Amino acid sequence: QVQLVESGGGLVQPGGSLRLSCAASGNRFSIRTMGWYRQAPGKQRELVAAITSGGSTNIADSVKGRFTISRDNAKNMVYLQMNSLKPEDTAVYYCKVDILWNQYWGQGTQVTVSS
């Protein structure tokens, strides 16, 4: 059974940085796409960034230039480096991976940007 464990969330001041990590385990097949989504209170879950096994990335316009996604295929890990954080980045951040035709989600990690 595939399990995703996220870490790295927390409280940070505007302009600060955080790095989220997500470790996948239990998969028998290779992970195609790994990504980060977020959901703020009262809003729909939205894509933040995604990266394919070949390294191609898709970054949301709202975070482009501030957030960077990367992955370590050997360790089945995906990272989200978040710089120049803004209060509007406050949300629960979820890791998602695609394996064959299935999608798997992490439990989420809270990111709060506030002074």
N, C-alpha and C. Protein backbone atom coordinates (compact mmCIF):
# COMPACT_ATOMS: atom_id res chain seq x y z
N GLN A 1 0.85 -1.19 0.00
CA GLN A 1 0.00 0.00 0.00
C GLN A 1 0.88 1.24 0.00
N VAL A 2 0.58 2.17 -0.89
CA VAL A 2 1.37 3.38 -1.01
C VAL A 2 1.07 4.32 0.15
N GLN A 3 2.12 4.82 0.75
CA GLN A 3 1.98 5.80 1.83
C GLN A 3 2.83 7.03 1.50
N LEU A 4 2.29 8.19 1.82
CA LEU A 4 2.99 9.45 1.63
C LEU A 4 3.09 10.15 2.97
N VAL A 5 4.29 10.59 3.30
CA VAL A 5 4.51 11.30 4.55
C VAL A 5 5.12 12.65 4.24
N GLU A 6 4.39 13.70 4.60
CA GLU A 6 4.85 15.07 4.36
C GLU A 6 5.47 15.65 5.62
N SER A 7 6.39 16.57 5.43
CA SER A 7 7.00 17.27 6.55
C SER A 7 7.47 18.64 6.09
N GLY A 8 7.74 19.50 7.05
CA GLY A 8 8.32 20.79 6.74
C GLY A 8 7.41 21.99 6.87
N GLY A 9 6.14 21.77 7.14
CA GLY A 9 5.24 22.90 7.30
C GLY A 9 5.48 23.63 8.60
N GLY A 10 4.78 24.76 8.77
CA GLY A 10 4.93 25.52 10.00
C GLY A 10 4.50 26.95 9.83
N LEU A 11 4.88 27.76 10.82
CA LEU A 11 4.57 29.18 10.83
C LEU A 11 5.81 29.96 10.41
N VAL A 12 5.61 30.88 9.48
CA VAL A 12 6.73 31.68 8.99
C VAL A 12 6.24 33.10 8.73
N GLN A 13 7.13 34.05 8.88
CA GLN A 13 6.77 35.45 8.63
C GLN A 13 6.76 35.73 7.13
N PRO A 14 6.00 36.73 6.72
CA PRO A 14 6.03 37.11 5.29
C PRO A 14 7.45 37.39 4.83
N GLY A 15 7.77 36.90 3.64
CA GLY A 15 9.11 37.03 3.11
C GLY A 15 10.03 35.89 3.47
N GLY A 16 9.59 35.04 4.35
CA GLY A 16 10.41 33.92 4.78
C GLY A 16 10.35 32.73 3.83
N SER A 17 11.01 31.66 4.25
CA SER A 17 11.11 30.46 3.41
C SER A 17 10.77 29.21 4.21
N LEU A 18 10.28 28.23 3.50
CA LEU A 18 10.05 26.90 4.05
C LEU A 18 10.36 25.88 2.97
N ARG A 19 10.72 24.68 3.41
CA ARG A 19 10.93 23.59 2.46
C ARG A 19 10.08 22.40 2.89
N LEU A 20 9.17 22.00 2.01
CA LEU A 20 8.33 20.85 2.26
C LEU A 20 8.97 19.61 1.64
N SER A 21 8.81 18.49 2.33
CA SER A 21 9.30 17.21 1.82
C SER A 21 8.17 16.20 1.84
N CYS A 22 8.20 15.28 0.90
CA CYS A 22 7.20 14.21 0.86
C CYS A 22 7.92 12.92 0.49
N ALA A 23 7.78 11.92 1.34
CA ALA A 23 8.40 10.62 1.10
C ALA A 23 7.32 9.60 0.76
N ALA A 24 7.51 8.92 -0.36
CA ALA A 24 6.58 7.89 -0.78
C ALA A 24 7.18 6.51 -0.51
N SER A 25 6.34 5.61 -0.06
CA SER A 25 6.79 4.24 0.19
C SER A 25 5.68 3.25 -0.13
N GLY A 26 6.07 2.00 -0.31
CA GLY A 26 5.10 0.95 -0.53
C GLY A 26 4.69 0.75 -1.99
N ASN A 27 5.28 1.53 -2.90
CA ASN A 27 4.90 1.39 -4.31
C ASN A 27 5.71 0.29 -4.98
N ARG A 28 5.01 -0.51 -5.79
CA ARG A 28 5.66 -1.57 -6.54
C ARG A 28 6.07 -1.09 -7.92
N PHE A 29 5.46 -0.01 -8.38
CA PHE A 29 5.73 0.50 -9.71
C PHE A 29 6.30 1.90 -9.61
N SER A 30 6.92 2.35 -10.66
CA SER A 30 7.55 3.67 -10.67
C SER A 30 6.51 4.77 -10.55
N ILE A 31 6.91 5.85 -9.91
CA ILE A 31 6.04 7.00 -9.75
C ILE A 31 6.19 7.89 -10.97
N ARG A 32 5.08 8.20 -11.59
CA ARG A 32 5.13 9.06 -12.77
C ARG A 32 5.26 10.52 -12.34
N THR A 33 4.20 11.12 -11.96
CA THR A 33 4.19 12.53 -11.58
C THR A 33 4.08 12.67 -10.07
N MET A 34 4.85 13.59 -9.53
CA MET A 34 4.75 13.95 -8.11
C MET A 34 4.40 15.43 -8.05
N GLY A 35 3.55 15.78 -7.11
CA GLY A 35 3.14 17.17 -7.08
C GLY A 35 2.71 17.65 -5.71
N TRP A 36 2.54 18.94 -5.63
CA TRP A 36 2.05 19.60 -4.42
C TRP A 36 0.79 20.39 -4.76
N TYR A 37 -0.21 20.24 -3.94
CA TYR A 37 -1.44 20.99 -4.02
C TYR A 37 -1.64 21.71 -2.70
N ARG A 38 -2.51 22.70 -2.71
CA ARG A 38 -2.83 23.38 -1.46
C ARG A 38 -4.29 23.73 -1.41
N GLN A 39 -4.79 23.84 -0.19
CA GLN A 39 -6.17 24.22 0.02
C GLN A 39 -6.26 25.19 1.18
N ALA A 40 -6.72 26.38 0.87
CA ALA A 40 -6.92 27.40 1.89
C ALA A 40 -8.36 27.31 2.39
N PRO A 41 -8.64 27.81 3.58
CA PRO A 41 -10.00 27.74 4.12
C PRO A 41 -11.01 28.38 3.17
N GLY A 42 -12.08 27.65 2.87
CA GLY A 42 -13.13 28.18 2.02
C GLY A 42 -12.81 28.17 0.53
N LYS A 43 -11.67 27.60 0.16
CA LYS A 43 -11.28 27.58 -1.24
C LYS A 43 -11.09 26.15 -1.72
N GLN A 44 -11.09 25.99 -3.03
CA GLN A 44 -10.87 24.67 -3.61
C GLN A 44 -9.38 24.32 -3.58
N ARG A 45 -9.12 23.03 -3.56
CA ARG A 45 -7.73 22.58 -3.64
C ARG A 45 -7.19 22.94 -5.03
N GLU A 46 -5.95 23.44 -5.05
CA GLU A 46 -5.36 23.87 -6.31
C GLU A 46 -3.94 23.33 -6.46
N LEU A 47 -3.56 23.16 -7.71
CA LEU A 47 -2.21 22.72 -8.00
C LEU A 47 -1.22 23.84 -7.69
N VAL A 48 -0.14 23.49 -7.01
CA VAL A 48 0.95 24.43 -6.77
C VAL A 48 2.07 24.17 -7.75
N ALA A 49 2.51 22.90 -7.78
CA ALA A 49 3.61 22.53 -8.66
C ALA A 49 3.62 21.03 -8.83
N ALA A 50 4.08 20.58 -10.01
CA ALA A 50 4.18 19.16 -10.28
C ALA A 50 5.44 18.90 -11.09
N ILE A 51 5.95 17.68 -10.97
CA ILE A 51 7.18 17.31 -11.68
C ILE A 51 7.07 15.87 -12.13
N THR A 52 7.43 15.63 -13.38
CA THR A 52 7.38 14.28 -13.93
C THR A 52 8.66 13.52 -13.57
N SER A 53 8.65 12.23 -13.87
CA SER A 53 9.83 11.42 -13.59
C SER A 53 11.02 11.87 -14.41
N GLY A 54 10.76 12.53 -15.54
CA GLY A 54 11.84 13.03 -16.38
C GLY A 54 12.31 14.42 -16.01
N GLY A 55 11.63 15.03 -15.05
CA GLY A 55 12.06 16.35 -14.57
C GLY A 55 11.30 17.53 -15.14
N SER A 56 10.31 17.30 -15.98
CA SER A 56 9.50 18.41 -16.48
C SER A 56 8.61 18.92 -15.37
N THR A 57 8.48 20.24 -15.29
CA THR A 57 7.72 20.85 -14.20
C THR A 57 6.55 21.67 -14.71
N ASN A 58 5.56 21.79 -13.84
CA ASN A 58 4.40 22.64 -14.08
C ASN A 58 4.20 23.44 -12.80
N ILE A 59 4.35 24.76 -12.90
CA ILE A 59 4.30 25.63 -11.73
C ILE A 59 3.12 26.59 -11.87
N ALA A 60 2.34 26.73 -10.83
CA ALA A 60 1.22 27.66 -10.85
C ALA A 60 1.74 29.09 -11.00
N ASP A 61 1.01 29.90 -11.74
CA ASP A 61 1.43 31.28 -11.97
C ASP A 61 1.56 32.05 -10.65
N SER A 62 0.73 31.73 -9.68
CA SER A 62 0.73 32.47 -8.42
C SER A 62 2.00 32.28 -7.61
N VAL A 63 2.76 31.22 -7.90
CA VAL A 63 3.97 30.95 -7.14
C VAL A 63 5.22 30.92 -8.02
N LYS A 64 5.04 31.13 -9.30
CA LYS A 64 6.17 31.07 -10.22
C LYS A 64 7.21 32.12 -9.83
N GLY A 65 8.47 31.70 -9.82
CA GLY A 65 9.54 32.60 -9.42
C GLY A 65 9.82 32.60 -7.94
N ARG A 66 8.91 32.02 -7.15
CA ARG A 66 9.11 31.97 -5.70
C ARG A 66 9.25 30.53 -5.20
N PHE A 67 8.53 29.61 -5.82
CA PHE A 67 8.55 28.21 -5.40
C PHE A 67 9.29 27.37 -6.43
N THR A 68 9.99 26.36 -5.94
CA THR A 68 10.70 25.42 -6.81
C THR A 68 10.38 24.00 -6.37
N ILE A 69 10.04 23.16 -7.35
CA ILE A 69 9.78 21.76 -7.05
C ILE A 69 10.94 20.92 -7.57
N SER A 70 11.28 19.89 -6.81
CA SER A 70 12.33 18.97 -7.23
C SER A 70 12.00 17.58 -6.68
N ARG A 71 12.68 16.58 -7.20
CA ARG A 71 12.43 15.22 -6.74
C ARG A 71 13.70 14.40 -6.79
N ASP A 72 13.72 13.38 -5.96
CA ASP A 72 14.80 12.41 -5.94
C ASP A 72 14.19 11.06 -6.26
N ASN A 73 14.34 10.61 -7.48
CA ASN A 73 13.69 9.38 -7.91
C ASN A 73 14.20 8.16 -7.14
N ALA A 74 15.47 8.16 -6.81
CA ALA A 74 16.04 7.02 -6.09
C ALA A 74 15.45 6.88 -4.70
N LYS A 75 15.07 8.01 -4.10
CA LYS A 75 14.52 7.99 -2.73
C LYS A 75 13.00 8.12 -2.73
N ASN A 76 12.39 8.24 -3.90
CA ASN A 76 10.93 8.44 -3.96
C ASN A 76 10.49 9.64 -3.13
N MET A 77 11.21 10.74 -3.31
CA MET A 77 10.89 11.94 -2.55
C MET A 77 10.67 13.12 -3.49
N VAL A 78 9.81 14.02 -3.05
CA VAL A 78 9.56 15.26 -3.77
C VAL A 78 9.65 16.40 -2.76
N TYR A 79 10.18 17.53 -3.22
CA TYR A 79 10.40 18.68 -2.35
C TYR A 79 9.74 19.92 -2.96
N LEU A 80 9.38 20.83 -2.08
CA LEU A 80 8.87 22.12 -2.52
C LEU A 80 9.60 23.19 -1.72
N GLN A 81 10.47 23.92 -2.39
CA GLN A 81 11.17 25.03 -1.77
C GLN A 81 10.33 26.28 -1.98
N MET A 82 9.93 26.89 -0.88
CA MET A 82 9.05 28.05 -0.94
C MET A 82 9.79 29.26 -0.39
N ASN A 83 10.01 30.23 -1.23
CA ASN A 83 10.69 31.48 -0.84
C ASN A 83 9.74 32.66 -0.99
N SER A 84 10.11 33.74 -0.38
CA SER A 84 9.31 34.98 -0.46
C SER A 84 7.84 34.70 -0.17
N LEU A 85 7.60 34.00 0.89
CA LEU A 85 6.24 33.60 1.22
C LEU A 85 5.36 34.80 1.55
N LYS A 86 4.10 34.67 1.15
CA LYS A 86 3.11 35.72 1.35
C LYS A 86 1.97 35.18 2.21
N PRO A 87 1.24 36.06 2.88
CA PRO A 87 0.09 35.58 3.67
C PRO A 87 -0.89 34.75 2.84
N GLU A 88 -1.04 35.07 1.57
CA GLU A 88 -1.97 34.32 0.73
C GLU A 88 -1.48 32.92 0.39
N ASP A 89 -0.25 32.58 0.77
CA ASP A 89 0.24 31.22 0.61
C ASP A 89 -0.21 30.31 1.75
N THR A 90 -0.84 30.90 2.76
CA THR A 90 -1.32 30.11 3.89
C THR A 90 -2.35 29.09 3.43
N ALA A 91 -2.10 27.83 3.76
CA ALA A 91 -2.98 26.74 3.32
C ALA A 91 -2.45 25.43 3.89
N VAL A 92 -3.25 24.39 3.72
CA VAL A 92 -2.76 23.04 3.95
C VAL A 92 -2.18 22.56 2.62
N TYR A 93 -0.96 22.09 2.66
CA TYR A 93 -0.27 21.63 1.46
C TYR A 93 -0.28 20.10 1.43
N TYR A 94 -0.67 19.57 0.28
CA TYR A 94 -0.80 18.12 0.11
C TYR A 94 0.15 17.64 -0.98
N CYS A 95 0.76 16.52 -0.71
CA CYS A 95 1.57 15.83 -1.70
C CYS A 95 0.69 14.83 -2.45
N LYS A 96 0.90 14.71 -3.75
CA LYS A 96 0.17 13.74 -4.56
C LYS A 96 1.13 13.06 -5.52
N VAL A 97 0.95 11.76 -5.67
CA VAL A 97 1.75 11.02 -6.65
C VAL A 97 0.84 10.20 -7.53
N ASP A 98 1.27 10.02 -8.77
CA ASP A 98 0.55 9.20 -9.75
C ASP A 98 1.37 7.94 -10.02
N ILE A 99 0.74 6.80 -9.81
CA ILE A 99 1.37 5.52 -10.07
C ILE A 99 0.41 4.72 -10.94
N LEU A 100 0.85 4.39 -12.15
CA LEU A 100 -0.03 3.77 -13.15
C LEU A 100 -1.25 4.67 -13.30
N TRP A 101 -2.45 4.15 -13.07
CA TRP A 101 -3.67 4.93 -13.25
C TRP A 101 -4.24 5.41 -11.92
N ASN A 102 -3.46 5.28 -10.84
CA ASN A 102 -3.95 5.66 -9.51
C ASN A 102 -3.29 6.93 -9.00
N GLN A 103 -4.02 7.64 -8.15
CA GLN A 103 -3.50 8.83 -7.48
C GLN A 103 -3.50 8.58 -5.98
N TYR A 104 -2.45 9.04 -5.33
CA TYR A 104 -2.31 8.88 -3.89
C TYR A 104 -2.01 10.24 -3.27
N TRP A 105 -2.65 10.49 -2.12
CA TRP A 105 -2.51 11.79 -1.45
C TRP A 105 -1.91 11.60 -0.06
N GLY A 106 -1.13 12.60 0.34
CA GLY A 106 -0.64 12.65 1.70
C GLY A 106 -1.70 13.23 2.62
N GLN A 107 -1.37 13.29 3.90
CA GLN A 107 -2.33 13.76 4.90
C GLN A 107 -2.38 15.28 4.98
N GLY A 108 -1.41 15.94 4.40
CA GLY A 108 -1.38 17.40 4.41
C GLY A 108 -0.50 17.97 5.51
N THR A 109 0.09 19.11 5.24
CA THR A 109 0.89 19.81 6.24
C THR A 109 0.52 21.30 6.19
N GLN A 110 0.33 21.88 7.34
CA GLN A 110 -0.13 23.27 7.42
C GLN A 110 1.03 24.23 7.21
N VAL A 111 0.82 25.21 6.36
CA VAL A 111 1.76 26.31 6.17
C VAL A 111 1.01 27.59 6.49
N THR A 112 1.52 28.34 7.45
CA THR A 112 0.90 29.59 7.85
C THR A 112 1.92 30.70 7.70
N VAL A 113 1.56 31.72 6.94
CA VAL A 113 2.43 32.87 6.72
C VAL A 113 1.79 34.07 7.40
N SER A 114 2.40 34.51 8.47
CA SER A 114 1.81 35.58 9.27
C SER A 114 2.88 36.26 10.10
N SER A 115 2.67 37.55 10.33
CA SER A 115 3.59 38.29 11.18
C SER A 115 3.06 38.33 12.62
